[in-house]
Amino acid sequence: MKPPSELAKKLSRQWHDSSIRQHRLLSNQAWPLELPIGKPSAKRWREKPGDIRLHLQRWRDVSVGTVVWQPTQYRDLSDGVDIPYCWRIDNPTEWVAACGVTQIEEEFSHFAKVVKLTNPLFHELILQQRIQVLARSVEEVVQVAEVAMSLQPGCAQGKPLRALAIAGCDTKIFERNRRLLQQMLELRFGDIVLQQGLERFLGAMDEHDHWLLVVPLDKDLMSFSQQRVRARELMATPLPGSRILVIENERCVHQLPQQNDTVAILGAGLNLGWLAADWLRYREVAYWGDIDTWGLKMLARAREQLCNIQPLMMSRAVFDNHELRAAVSEPVHAGDKPPEPLTEEEQMLYRYLLARKKGRLEQEFLPVTLASEIVTKWGD
């Protein structure tokens, strides 16, 4: 048989389990809780009746939740006796009160205020990230959530994150809350945020230096086969060659053919502000990205910086030819409407992909022969 104090400690331990805490605070199906108390044996009645009476009194004194009593007959007792059978807790407020721990009561109050003032999309994350959320004021967490709902891919347009005036935040909000903010954006937009990093995803100046992979497709243009270059350096430092091929993902480097007078720049993602560099206006520039809504959004972002940029292998025909073999689902779309910088044909492709169950064709899954043929044809 368990005293109230033992079950209260069990409830307290459960509060510190993030999965249990999240489930009980957000799901009505978690309630009620029924904690078995256990009943004393006949031998215990005979040998220590005083302990049993004290046990019964302790449960009679419990004022939180509902103590369920059960009539029980013992051979050595002429009359039946009511024994506490289980402790029923009906809601989160009773759970916290039953713990009897001031710290838990304060944490519950903190979480309740934050959840009330934030988008339901973030509630599970908020309740799971106990240390992060409790280390910040309610106002700070609410503001981070507002910022996360206001941000859009590429919205920084080359500015540093601290220069973004969003949701009334100060310049330090990104520094103080970077991890929490990124986790919230991952809930909105999926793994692409994690894959690209915050600056690249938002199109912000990477003050920690966003490195791009530069690969000369003409071995006579440069003295190296591959090199990392800061995105901000490309704004002021022209590369050799008359043609520049911009590629969304680095993993496509093995698909590229040798090509006269051409340099490839890989791994830009949404960080495409450097395409506004003056020297690029005097080059023939092409863009190759995934055939999905995000890839088309990046193409639109590139075209905002360089209006005559030419897309490669980002057409309905390429998608249809390889859909059965390589298309996959796109968990989170870049938006319900195609970006305006896309051509009419590209906007039609965007809408088509939105309607497909498997509307994503990643560039690295295109045949090497196709990539080689298209890049070579563009360069001739």
Protein backbone atom coordinates (compact mmCIF):
# COMPACT_ATOMS: atom_id res chain seq x y z
CA MET A 1 0.00 0.00 0.00
CA LYS A 2 1.30 3.43 -1.00
CA PRO A 3 0.96 6.64 1.03
CA PRO A 4 0.04 9.96 -0.66
CA SER A 5 3.64 11.18 -0.39
CA GLU A 6 4.98 8.26 -2.47
CA LEU A 7 2.49 8.82 -5.28
CA ALA A 8 3.09 12.57 -5.13
CA LYS A 9 6.81 11.93 -5.75
CA LYS A 10 5.92 9.70 -8.70
CA LEU A 11 3.77 12.46 -10.18
CA SER A 12 6.62 14.93 -9.68
CA ARG A 13 9.06 12.68 -11.54
CA GLN A 14 6.62 12.39 -14.41
CA TRP A 15 6.47 16.18 -14.73
CA HIS A 16 10.16 16.20 -15.64
CA ASP A 17 9.64 13.68 -18.46
CA SER A 18 9.14 15.88 -21.56
CA SER A 19 7.04 13.35 -23.48
CA ILE A 20 4.70 12.76 -20.52
CA ARG A 21 4.47 16.50 -19.80
CA GLN A 22 3.64 17.34 -23.40
CA HIS A 23 1.03 14.57 -23.67
CA ARG A 24 -0.75 15.41 -20.43
CA LEU A 25 -0.83 19.16 -20.94
CA LEU A 26 -2.06 19.03 -24.53
CA SER A 27 -4.22 15.92 -24.83
CA ASN A 28 -7.62 15.41 -23.22
CA GLN A 29 -7.13 11.69 -23.77
CA ALA A 30 -4.47 11.68 -21.07
CA TRP A 31 -7.15 12.14 -18.41
CA PRO A 32 -8.13 10.94 -15.93
CA LEU A 33 -5.05 9.41 -14.32
CA GLU A 34 -5.71 6.54 -11.94
CA LEU A 35 -2.85 5.71 -9.59
CA PRO A 36 -3.27 2.37 -7.72
CA ILE A 37 -2.79 2.70 -3.98
CA GLY A 38 -2.83 -0.95 -2.99
CA LYS A 39 -4.60 -2.46 -0.02
CA PRO A 40 -3.16 -3.79 3.24
CA SER A 41 -3.01 -7.54 3.75
CA ALA A 42 -4.92 -9.34 6.51
CA LYS A 43 -1.59 -10.09 8.20
CA ARG A 44 -0.76 -6.38 8.26
CA TRP A 45 -4.10 -5.67 9.88
CA ARG A 46 -3.41 -8.19 12.61
CA GLU A 47 0.18 -7.16 13.31
CA LYS A 48 0.10 -3.36 12.82
CA PRO A 49 -3.45 -2.03 13.00
CA GLY A 50 -2.13 1.39 14.08
CA ASP A 51 -0.18 1.76 10.86
CA ILE A 52 -3.27 0.91 8.85
CA ARG A 53 -5.39 3.49 10.67
CA LEU A 54 -2.71 6.11 10.01
CA HIS A 55 -2.61 5.10 6.33
CA LEU A 56 -6.39 5.48 6.05
CA GLN A 57 -6.30 8.86 7.76
CA ARG A 58 -3.60 10.16 5.42
CA TRP A 59 -5.77 9.34 2.43
CA ARG A 60 -8.85 10.87 4.07
CA ASP A 61 -6.84 14.10 4.41
CA VAL A 62 -6.07 14.27 0.67
CA SER A 63 -7.99 17.17 -0.84
CA VAL A 64 -6.63 17.08 -4.42
CA GLY A 65 -8.26 14.89 -7.02
CA THR A 66 -10.50 12.02 -6.00
CA VAL A 67 -9.57 9.18 -3.69
CA VAL A 68 -11.62 6.15 -4.74
CA TRP A 69 -12.57 3.99 -1.76
CA GLN A 70 -13.57 0.35 -1.94
CA PRO A 71 -15.44 -1.63 0.75
CA THR A 72 -13.26 -4.55 1.81
CA GLN A 73 -14.00 -7.47 4.14
CA TYR A 74 -11.24 -8.94 6.32
CA ARG A 75 -11.63 -12.28 8.13
CA ASP A 76 -10.43 -10.88 11.46
CA LEU A 77 -12.73 -7.85 11.35
CA SER A 78 -16.39 -8.20 12.14
CA ASP A 79 -17.31 -5.22 9.98
CA GLY A 80 -16.14 -4.33 6.49
CA VAL A 81 -13.82 -1.35 6.07
CA ASP A 82 -13.42 1.19 3.29
CA ILE A 83 -9.92 1.01 1.80
CA PRO A 84 -8.43 3.65 -0.56
CA TYR A 85 -8.25 1.81 -3.89
CA CYS A 86 -6.81 4.43 -6.27
CA TRP A 87 -6.12 8.15 -6.59
CA ARG A 88 -7.84 9.72 -9.59
CA ILE A 89 -6.41 12.94 -11.06
CA ASP A 90 -8.78 14.56 -13.57
CA ASN A 91 -6.79 17.39 -15.19
CA PRO A 92 -3.39 19.13 -15.39
CA THR A 93 -4.23 21.56 -12.59
CA GLU A 94 -4.93 18.67 -10.21
CA TRP A 95 -1.74 16.91 -11.37
CA VAL A 96 0.41 19.91 -10.50
CA ALA A 97 -1.38 20.44 -7.18
CA ALA A 98 -0.97 16.75 -6.30
CA CYS A 99 2.80 17.02 -6.75
CA GLY A 100 2.90 19.57 -3.94
CA VAL A 101 6.11 21.15 -5.28
CA THR A 102 6.32 24.94 -5.55
CA GLN A 103 8.80 24.80 -8.45
CA ILE A 104 6.45 22.64 -10.52
CA GLU A 105 3.56 24.99 -9.79
CA GLU A 106 5.66 27.93 -11.01
CA GLU A 107 6.74 26.05 -14.15
CA PHE A 108 3.14 25.07 -14.90
CA SER A 109 2.05 28.68 -14.60
CA HIS A 110 4.88 29.76 -16.94
CA PHE A 111 3.99 27.14 -19.55
CA ALA A 112 0.28 27.93 -19.33
CA LYS A 113 0.86 31.62 -20.06
CA VAL A 114 3.18 30.88 -23.00
CA VAL A 115 0.83 28.31 -24.54
CA LYS A 116 -2.13 30.67 -24.23
CA LEU A 117 -0.32 33.38 -26.22
CA THR A 118 1.41 31.34 -28.95
CA ASN A 119 0.39 29.51 -32.10
CA PRO A 120 -0.74 25.90 -31.45
CA LEU A 121 1.85 24.75 -34.00
CA PHE A 122 4.55 25.44 -31.40
CA HIS A 123 2.89 24.05 -28.28
CA GLU A 124 4.49 20.59 -28.33
CA LEU A 125 7.92 22.12 -28.87
CA ILE A 126 7.41 24.63 -26.06
CA LEU A 127 6.46 21.89 -23.61
CA GLN A 128 9.30 19.63 -24.70
CA GLN A 129 11.97 22.33 -24.47
CA ARG A 130 11.58 22.88 -20.74
CA ILE A 131 15.03 24.37 -20.07
CA GLN A 132 14.94 26.75 -23.04
CA VAL A 133 11.45 28.02 -22.30
CA LEU A 134 11.88 28.40 -18.54
CA ALA A 135 15.15 30.28 -19.01
CA ARG A 136 13.24 33.04 -20.82
CA SER A 137 10.43 35.31 -19.76
CA VAL A 138 6.93 34.63 -21.03
CA GLU A 139 7.18 37.79 -23.13
CA GLU A 140 10.43 36.66 -24.75
CA VAL A 141 9.11 33.22 -25.75
CA VAL A 142 5.91 34.74 -27.11
CA GLN A 143 7.93 37.21 -29.18
CA VAL A 144 10.16 34.45 -30.56
CA ALA A 145 7.01 32.59 -31.65
CA GLU A 146 5.67 35.77 -33.31
CA VAL A 147 8.97 36.24 -35.15
CA ALA A 148 8.91 32.60 -36.28
CA MET A 149 5.42 33.08 -37.72
CA SER A 150 6.45 36.29 -39.49
CA LEU A 151 9.62 35.03 -41.20
CA GLN A 152 9.52 33.68 -44.75
CA PRO A 153 12.20 31.95 -46.84
CA GLY A 154 14.57 34.53 -48.33
CA CYS A 155 12.87 37.42 -46.53
CA ALA A 156 16.14 38.93 -45.26
CA GLN A 157 17.17 39.83 -48.82
CA GLY A 158 20.85 39.87 -47.97
CA LYS A 159 20.60 41.85 -44.72
CA PRO A 160 22.05 40.45 -41.48
CA LEU A 161 19.53 38.83 -39.13
CA ARG A 162 19.99 41.50 -36.48
CA ALA A 163 18.84 44.12 -39.00
CA LEU A 164 15.41 42.54 -39.46
CA ALA A 165 12.62 44.56 -37.86
CA ILE A 166 9.98 41.91 -37.21
CA ALA A 167 7.25 41.63 -34.58
CA GLY A 168 8.75 44.55 -32.65
CA CYS A 169 11.85 42.55 -31.73
CA ASP A 170 15.18 44.04 -30.75
CA THR A 171 18.43 43.42 -32.61
CA LYS A 172 19.59 40.72 -30.18
CA ILE A 173 16.57 38.40 -30.37
CA PHE A 174 18.22 36.15 -32.97
CA GLU A 175 21.38 35.83 -30.87
CA ARG A 176 19.52 35.02 -27.65
CA ASN A 177 17.03 32.61 -29.18
CA ARG A 178 18.69 31.16 -32.27
CA ARG A 179 18.11 27.47 -31.44
CA LEU A 180 14.49 27.92 -30.31
CA LEU A 181 13.71 30.08 -33.35
CA GLN A 182 15.25 27.56 -35.73
CA GLN A 183 13.25 24.73 -34.15
CA MET A 184 10.05 26.73 -34.64
CA LEU A 185 10.91 27.41 -38.27
CA GLU A 186 11.56 23.69 -38.77
CA LEU A 187 7.98 23.04 -37.63
CA ARG A 188 6.72 25.52 -40.24
CA PHE A 189 8.95 24.64 -43.18
CA GLY A 190 10.47 21.23 -42.48
CA ASP A 191 14.04 19.90 -42.61
CA ILE A 192 15.12 22.43 -45.24
CA VAL A 193 15.75 24.91 -42.40
CA LEU A 194 18.13 22.50 -40.69
CA GLN A 195 19.78 21.49 -43.94
CA GLN A 196 20.48 25.05 -45.05
CA GLY A 197 20.98 26.80 -41.74
CA LEU A 198 19.18 29.90 -40.56
CA GLU A 199 21.04 32.48 -42.65
CA ARG A 200 20.87 30.57 -45.92
CA PHE A 201 17.19 29.72 -45.42
CA LEU A 202 16.22 33.32 -44.69
CA GLY A 203 18.53 34.76 -47.33
CA ALA A 204 20.44 36.71 -44.71
CA MET A 205 24.03 37.87 -44.76
CA ASP A 206 25.96 35.12 -43.04
CA GLU A 207 28.06 37.03 -40.55
CA HIS A 208 29.70 33.73 -39.66
CA ASP A 209 30.64 33.37 -43.35
CA HIS A 210 28.51 31.26 -45.66
CA TRP A 211 30.97 29.27 -47.74
CA LEU A 212 30.13 28.29 -51.30
CA LEU A 213 31.84 25.58 -53.31
CA VAL A 214 33.49 26.95 -56.47
CA VAL A 215 34.32 24.37 -59.15
CA PRO A 216 35.93 25.38 -62.47
CA LEU A 217 34.49 23.19 -65.24
CA ASP A 218 37.34 24.38 -67.41
CA LYS A 219 40.61 23.24 -65.83
CA ASP A 220 42.51 26.11 -67.51
CA LEU A 221 40.48 28.80 -65.71
CA MET A 222 41.83 28.21 -62.21
CA SER A 223 44.72 26.50 -60.51
CA PHE A 224 42.48 24.36 -58.31
CA SER A 225 39.74 21.79 -58.92
CA GLN A 226 37.51 22.92 -56.01
CA GLN A 227 37.64 25.75 -53.51
CA ARG A 228 35.50 27.27 -50.75
CA VAL A 229 34.69 30.96 -51.15
CA ARG A 230 32.69 33.24 -48.85
CA ALA A 231 29.41 34.43 -50.36
CA ARG A 232 30.17 38.02 -49.42
CA GLU A 233 33.50 37.85 -51.25
CA LEU A 234 31.70 36.99 -54.48
CA MET A 235 29.93 40.34 -54.28
CA ALA A 236 33.22 42.12 -55.00
CA THR A 237 35.49 39.46 -56.50
CA PRO A 238 34.77 38.44 -60.12
CA LEU A 239 35.42 34.84 -61.08
CA PRO A 240 37.04 33.96 -64.41
CA GLY A 241 35.03 32.54 -67.29
CA SER A 242 32.19 33.91 -69.35
CA ARG A 243 29.60 31.49 -67.94
CA ILE A 244 28.56 30.90 -64.32
CA LEU A 245 26.42 27.91 -63.32
CA VAL A 246 24.69 28.34 -59.92
CA ILE A 247 23.58 25.07 -58.31
CA GLU A 248 21.33 24.64 -55.26
CA ASN A 249 23.04 21.60 -53.71
CA GLU A 250 26.68 20.65 -53.37
CA ARG A 251 25.89 16.96 -53.81
CA CYS A 252 25.53 17.49 -57.57
CA VAL A 253 29.20 18.17 -58.18
CA HIS A 254 29.78 14.66 -59.56
CA GLN A 255 27.14 15.23 -62.27
CA LEU A 256 28.94 18.16 -63.87
CA PRO A 257 30.84 17.78 -67.16
CA GLN A 258 33.94 19.60 -68.28
CA GLN A 259 32.84 22.80 -69.99
CA ASN A 260 34.88 25.52 -71.65
CA ASP A 261 35.02 28.94 -70.00
CA THR A 262 32.56 27.90 -67.22
CA VAL A 263 32.65 28.00 -63.41
CA ALA A 264 30.07 26.29 -61.18
CA ILE A 265 29.05 27.66 -57.77
CA LEU A 266 27.32 25.10 -55.56
CA GLY A 267 25.48 25.07 -52.24
CA ALA A 268 23.84 28.50 -52.23
CA GLY A 269 20.37 27.38 -51.16
CA LEU A 270 18.25 30.44 -50.45
CA ASN A 271 21.27 32.64 -49.72
CA LEU A 272 21.34 34.22 -53.18
CA GLY A 273 21.84 37.88 -52.38
CA TRP A 274 25.39 37.71 -53.81
CA LEU A 275 23.86 37.27 -57.29
CA ALA A 276 23.34 41.04 -57.28
CA ALA A 277 27.10 41.48 -57.77
CA ASP A 278 27.83 43.90 -60.62
CA TRP A 279 30.31 41.59 -62.36
CA LEU A 280 27.64 38.90 -62.87
CA ARG A 281 25.71 41.23 -65.20
CA TYR A 282 28.46 40.67 -67.74
CA ARG A 283 28.33 36.88 -67.53
CA GLU A 284 25.98 34.28 -68.90
CA VAL A 285 24.44 32.80 -65.73
CA ALA A 286 22.30 29.67 -65.35
CA TYR A 287 20.56 28.19 -62.31
CA TRP A 288 19.92 24.52 -61.55
CA GLY A 289 17.88 23.43 -58.52
CA ASP A 290 15.45 20.77 -57.37
CA ILE A 291 12.16 20.50 -59.24
CA ASP A 292 9.89 21.21 -56.29
CA THR A 293 8.23 24.30 -54.84
CA TRP A 294 11.36 25.19 -52.87
CA GLY A 295 13.59 24.85 -55.90
CA LEU A 296 11.28 27.13 -57.89
CA LYS A 297 11.18 29.60 -55.02
CA MET A 298 14.98 29.71 -55.07
CA LEU A 299 14.89 30.25 -58.83
CA ALA A 300 12.52 33.17 -58.27
CA ARG A 301 14.85 34.56 -55.62
CA ALA A 302 17.80 34.24 -58.02
CA ARG A 303 15.85 36.02 -60.75
CA GLU A 304 15.10 38.90 -58.38
CA GLN A 305 18.84 39.47 -58.13
CA LEU A 306 19.69 38.71 -61.76
CA CYS A 307 16.75 39.07 -64.13
CA ASN A 308 18.31 37.25 -67.11
CA ILE A 309 19.36 34.11 -65.23
CA GLN A 310 18.50 30.94 -67.19
CA PRO A 311 17.06 27.82 -65.49
CA LEU A 312 18.42 24.41 -66.43
CA MET A 313 16.60 21.08 -65.99
CA MET A 314 13.74 22.71 -64.06
CA SER A 315 10.86 22.02 -66.43
CA ARG A 316 7.64 20.00 -66.54
CA ALA A 317 9.16 17.78 -69.24
CA VAL A 318 12.13 16.82 -67.06
CA PHE A 319 9.83 16.13 -64.12
CA ASP A 320 7.45 13.96 -66.15
CA ASN A 321 10.29 11.97 -67.69
CA HIS A 322 11.75 11.02 -64.31
CA GLU A 323 8.74 11.11 -61.99
CA LEU A 324 8.10 7.37 -61.79
CA ARG A 325 11.73 6.56 -61.09
CA ALA A 326 12.78 9.30 -58.69
CA ALA A 327 9.98 11.63 -57.53
CA VAL A 328 9.21 11.78 -53.80
CA SER A 329 6.77 13.71 -51.65
CA GLU A 330 7.57 17.25 -50.52
CA PRO A 331 6.66 17.36 -46.79
CA VAL A 332 6.34 21.14 -46.57
CA HIS A 333 5.67 23.40 -49.54
CA ALA A 334 7.26 26.80 -50.07
CA GLY A 335 3.84 28.44 -50.21
CA ASP A 336 0.36 28.04 -51.68
CA LYS A 337 1.03 30.47 -54.51
CA PRO A 338 3.96 30.59 -56.96
CA PRO A 339 6.35 33.54 -56.51
CA GLU A 340 5.81 36.39 -58.98
CA PRO A 341 9.34 36.40 -60.52
CA LEU A 342 8.60 32.98 -62.07
CA THR A 343 7.53 32.90 -65.70
CA GLU A 344 4.00 31.79 -66.58
CA GLU A 345 5.27 28.33 -67.51
CA GLU A 346 7.22 28.05 -64.24
CA GLN A 347 4.17 29.15 -62.26
CA MET A 348 2.13 26.44 -63.97
CA LEU A 349 4.80 23.90 -62.97
CA TYR A 350 4.70 25.20 -59.39
CA ARG A 351 0.91 24.66 -59.19
CA TYR A 352 1.27 21.25 -60.81
CA LEU A 353 3.81 20.17 -58.20
CA LEU A 354 1.57 21.43 -55.38
CA ALA A 355 -1.17 19.09 -56.58
CA ARG A 356 1.08 16.03 -56.89
CA LYS A 357 1.33 13.44 -54.12
CA LYS A 358 4.98 13.08 -55.11
CA GLY A 359 5.85 16.57 -56.26
CA ARG A 360 9.58 16.67 -55.61
CA LEU A 361 12.38 15.63 -57.95
CA GLU A 362 15.77 16.23 -56.33
CA GLN A 363 18.49 17.28 -58.72
CA GLU A 364 21.04 14.72 -57.55
CA PHE A 365 18.71 11.92 -58.67
CA LEU A 366 18.70 13.04 -62.28
CA PRO A 367 20.91 10.88 -64.54
CA VAL A 368 24.48 12.07 -64.92
CA THR A 369 24.07 11.74 -68.68
CA LEU A 370 21.15 14.19 -68.68
CA ALA A 371 22.96 16.76 -66.53
CA SER A 372 26.05 16.48 -68.71
CA GLU A 373 24.04 16.85 -71.91
CA ILE A 374 22.05 19.90 -70.73
CA VAL A 375 25.03 21.73 -69.23
CA THR A 376 27.09 21.06 -72.35
CA LYS A 377 24.29 22.27 -74.62
CA TRP A 378 23.91 25.47 -72.54
CA GLY A 379 27.62 26.13 -72.78
CA ASP A 380 27.93 25.63 -76.53
